[in-house]
Amino acid sequence: VKATVTGKHNITSLEISPELIEDAKEDPEMLEDLIITAVNQAVKAASDESEAAMSGMTAGLNIPGLF
């Protein structure tokens, strides 16, 4: 399972391999867990990337009251 998320935490794609769909017929909870894990990892990656971009843009700025 692979999920792609934007910086605004919108899911833009979700890929599930056909083998997992076949296996899910006997164990749907396993597929649900894999989807949840993939989405959570994608959201974390998007958040980490946003934080890194923001810290790069604000590096060296000394704004009173914010730091």
N, C-alpha and C. Protein backbone atom coordinates (compact mmCIF):
# COMPACT_ATOMS: atom_id res chain seq x y z
N VAL A 1 0.85 -1.17 0.00
CA VAL A 1 0.00 0.00 0.00
C VAL A 1 0.89 1.22 0.00
N LYS A 2 0.57 2.18 -0.88
CA LYS A 2 1.32 3.43 -0.96
C LYS A 2 0.33 4.58 -1.03
N ALA A 3 0.53 5.58 -0.15
CA ALA A 3 -0.32 6.76 -0.13
C ALA A 3 0.53 7.99 -0.42
N THR A 4 -0.06 8.95 -1.13
CA THR A 4 0.59 10.22 -1.40
C THR A 4 -0.30 11.32 -0.84
N VAL A 5 0.33 12.25 -0.09
CA VAL A 5 -0.40 13.31 0.59
C VAL A 5 0.23 14.65 0.25
N THR A 6 -0.60 15.69 0.10
CA THR A 6 -0.08 17.04 -0.16
C THR A 6 0.32 17.70 1.16
N GLY A 7 0.94 18.87 1.05
CA GLY A 7 1.32 19.63 2.23
C GLY A 7 0.12 20.07 3.06
N LYS A 8 -1.06 20.08 2.44
CA LYS A 8 -2.29 20.42 3.16
C LYS A 8 -2.99 19.18 3.68
N HIS A 9 -2.30 18.06 3.64
CA HIS A 9 -2.76 16.77 4.15
C HIS A 9 -3.97 16.20 3.40
N ASN A 10 -4.04 16.48 2.12
CA ASN A 10 -5.05 15.85 1.27
C ASN A 10 -4.42 14.64 0.58
N ILE A 11 -5.12 13.53 0.61
CA ILE A 11 -4.63 12.33 -0.06
C ILE A 11 -4.85 12.53 -1.56
N THR A 12 -3.75 12.41 -2.33
CA THR A 12 -3.85 12.58 -3.78
C THR A 12 -3.82 11.25 -4.51
N SER A 13 -3.27 10.22 -3.87
CA SER A 13 -3.31 8.89 -4.49
C SER A 13 -3.17 7.81 -3.43
N LEU A 14 -3.71 6.66 -3.75
CA LEU A 14 -3.63 5.50 -2.89
C LEU A 14 -3.49 4.28 -3.79
N GLU A 15 -2.37 3.59 -3.68
CA GLU A 15 -2.11 2.40 -4.50
C GLU A 15 -2.14 1.16 -3.63
N ILE A 16 -2.90 0.18 -4.06
CA ILE A 16 -2.98 -1.10 -3.34
C ILE A 16 -2.65 -2.20 -4.34
N SER A 17 -1.68 -3.01 -4.01
CA SER A 17 -1.28 -4.08 -4.93
C SER A 17 -2.40 -5.12 -5.04
N PRO A 18 -2.57 -5.67 -6.22
CA PRO A 18 -3.62 -6.67 -6.43
C PRO A 18 -3.51 -7.87 -5.49
N GLU A 19 -2.29 -8.23 -5.11
CA GLU A 19 -2.12 -9.37 -4.20
C GLU A 19 -2.75 -9.07 -2.84
N LEU A 20 -2.61 -7.82 -2.39
CA LEU A 20 -3.20 -7.47 -1.10
C LEU A 20 -4.72 -7.48 -1.16
N ILE A 21 -5.26 -7.07 -2.28
CA ILE A 21 -6.72 -7.09 -2.43
C ILE A 21 -7.22 -8.54 -2.40
N GLU A 22 -6.49 -9.42 -3.04
CA GLU A 22 -6.84 -10.85 -3.04
C GLU A 22 -6.78 -11.39 -1.61
N ASP A 23 -5.69 -11.07 -0.88
CA ASP A 23 -5.54 -11.54 0.51
C ASP A 23 -6.60 -10.94 1.43
N ALA A 24 -7.07 -9.74 1.11
CA ALA A 24 -8.04 -9.05 1.97
C ALA A 24 -9.38 -9.76 2.00
N LYS A 25 -9.64 -10.62 1.03
CA LYS A 25 -10.91 -11.35 1.03
C LYS A 25 -11.01 -12.25 2.26
N GLU A 26 -9.85 -12.74 2.72
CA GLU A 26 -9.83 -13.60 3.89
C GLU A 26 -9.50 -12.83 5.16
N ASP A 27 -8.83 -11.67 5.02
CA ASP A 27 -8.39 -10.90 6.20
C ASP A 27 -8.50 -9.40 5.91
N PRO A 28 -9.72 -8.87 5.88
CA PRO A 28 -9.90 -7.45 5.55
C PRO A 28 -9.25 -6.51 6.55
N GLU A 29 -9.15 -6.93 7.81
CA GLU A 29 -8.54 -6.08 8.83
C GLU A 29 -7.07 -5.81 8.51
N MET A 30 -6.39 -6.78 7.93
CA MET A 30 -4.98 -6.61 7.56
C MET A 30 -4.84 -5.48 6.54
N LEU A 31 -5.70 -5.48 5.54
CA LEU A 31 -5.65 -4.43 4.52
C LEU A 31 -5.99 -3.07 5.12
N GLU A 32 -6.97 -3.03 6.00
CA GLU A 32 -7.32 -1.78 6.68
C GLU A 32 -6.12 -1.23 7.45
N ASP A 33 -5.43 -2.10 8.17
CA ASP A 33 -4.25 -1.69 8.94
C ASP A 33 -3.15 -1.15 8.03
N LEU A 34 -2.94 -1.81 6.89
CA LEU A 34 -1.92 -1.37 5.95
C LEU A 34 -2.26 0.00 5.35
N ILE A 35 -3.53 0.22 5.07
CA ILE A 35 -3.95 1.51 4.53
C ILE A 35 -3.75 2.61 5.57
N ILE A 36 -4.16 2.35 6.79
CA ILE A 36 -3.99 3.33 7.86
C ILE A 36 -2.52 3.67 8.05
N THR A 37 -1.67 2.67 8.07
CA THR A 37 -0.24 2.89 8.23
C THR A 37 0.33 3.70 7.08
N ALA A 38 -0.05 3.37 5.85
CA ALA A 38 0.46 4.10 4.68
C ALA A 38 0.04 5.56 4.71
N VAL A 39 -1.22 5.82 5.06
CA VAL A 39 -1.71 7.20 5.10
C VAL A 39 -1.01 7.96 6.23
N ASN A 40 -0.87 7.36 7.39
CA ASN A 40 -0.18 8.03 8.50
C ASN A 40 1.27 8.36 8.15
N GLN A 41 1.95 7.45 7.49
CA GLN A 41 3.33 7.71 7.09
C GLN A 41 3.40 8.83 6.05
N ALA A 42 2.46 8.87 5.13
CA ALA A 42 2.43 9.93 4.11
C ALA A 42 2.14 11.28 4.75
N VAL A 43 1.23 11.33 5.71
CA VAL A 43 0.91 12.58 6.40
C VAL A 43 2.13 13.06 7.18
N LYS A 44 2.83 12.16 7.85
CA LYS A 44 4.03 12.54 8.60
C LYS A 44 5.11 13.06 7.66
N ALA A 45 5.30 12.40 6.52
CA ALA A 45 6.30 12.85 5.55
C ALA A 45 5.95 14.24 5.03
N ALA A 46 4.67 14.50 4.75
CA ALA A 46 4.24 15.81 4.27
C ALA A 46 4.47 16.87 5.34
N SER A 47 4.17 16.54 6.59
CA SER A 47 4.39 17.47 7.70
C SER A 47 5.87 17.77 7.87
N ASP A 48 6.69 16.73 7.82
CA ASP A 48 8.14 16.91 7.97
C ASP A 48 8.69 17.79 6.85
N GLU A 49 8.21 17.57 5.63
CA GLU A 49 8.67 18.36 4.49
C GLU A 49 8.24 19.82 4.63
N SER A 50 7.03 20.04 5.09
CA SER A 50 6.53 21.41 5.30
C SER A 50 7.35 22.12 6.38
N GLU A 51 7.63 21.42 7.48
CA GLU A 51 8.44 22.00 8.55
C GLU A 51 9.84 22.35 8.06
N ALA A 52 10.43 21.47 7.28
CA ALA A 52 11.78 21.72 6.76
C ALA A 52 11.78 22.93 5.84
N ALA A 53 10.75 23.06 5.01
CA ALA A 53 10.66 24.20 4.10
C ALA A 53 10.47 25.50 4.88
N MET A 54 9.64 25.47 5.90
CA MET A 54 9.40 26.66 6.71
C MET A 54 10.64 27.07 7.49
N SER A 55 11.36 26.10 8.04
CA SER A 55 12.56 26.44 8.81
C SER A 55 13.63 27.01 7.89
N GLY A 56 13.67 26.55 6.64
CA GLY A 56 14.61 27.10 5.67
C GLY A 56 14.26 28.53 5.30
N MET A 57 12.96 28.83 5.22
CA MET A 57 12.53 30.18 4.84
C MET A 57 12.68 31.16 6.00
N THR A 58 12.57 30.69 7.23
CA THR A 58 12.65 31.59 8.38
C THR A 58 14.02 31.59 9.03
N ALA A 59 14.97 30.84 8.49
CA ALA A 59 16.32 30.79 9.06
C ALA A 59 16.93 32.19 9.05
N GLY A 60 17.43 32.59 10.20
CA GLY A 60 18.09 33.88 10.29
C GLY A 60 17.16 35.04 10.59
N LEU A 61 15.86 34.81 10.54
CA LEU A 61 14.92 35.88 10.88
C LEU A 61 14.77 35.97 12.38
N ASN A 62 14.80 37.17 12.90
CA ASN A 62 14.62 37.36 14.33
C ASN A 62 13.36 38.21 14.51
N ILE A 63 12.22 37.54 14.59
CA ILE A 63 10.95 38.22 14.71
C ILE A 63 10.56 38.23 16.19
N PRO A 64 10.50 39.42 16.80
CA PRO A 64 10.16 39.51 18.23
C PRO A 64 8.81 38.86 18.52
N GLY A 65 8.76 38.12 19.60
CA GLY A 65 7.51 37.48 20.03
C GLY A 65 7.27 36.12 19.44
N LEU A 66 8.01 35.75 18.41
CA LEU A 66 7.81 34.43 17.81
C LEU A 66 8.84 33.41 18.27
N PHE A 67 9.97 33.86 18.72
CA PHE A 67 11.02 32.93 19.11
C PHE A 67 11.49 33.19 20.51
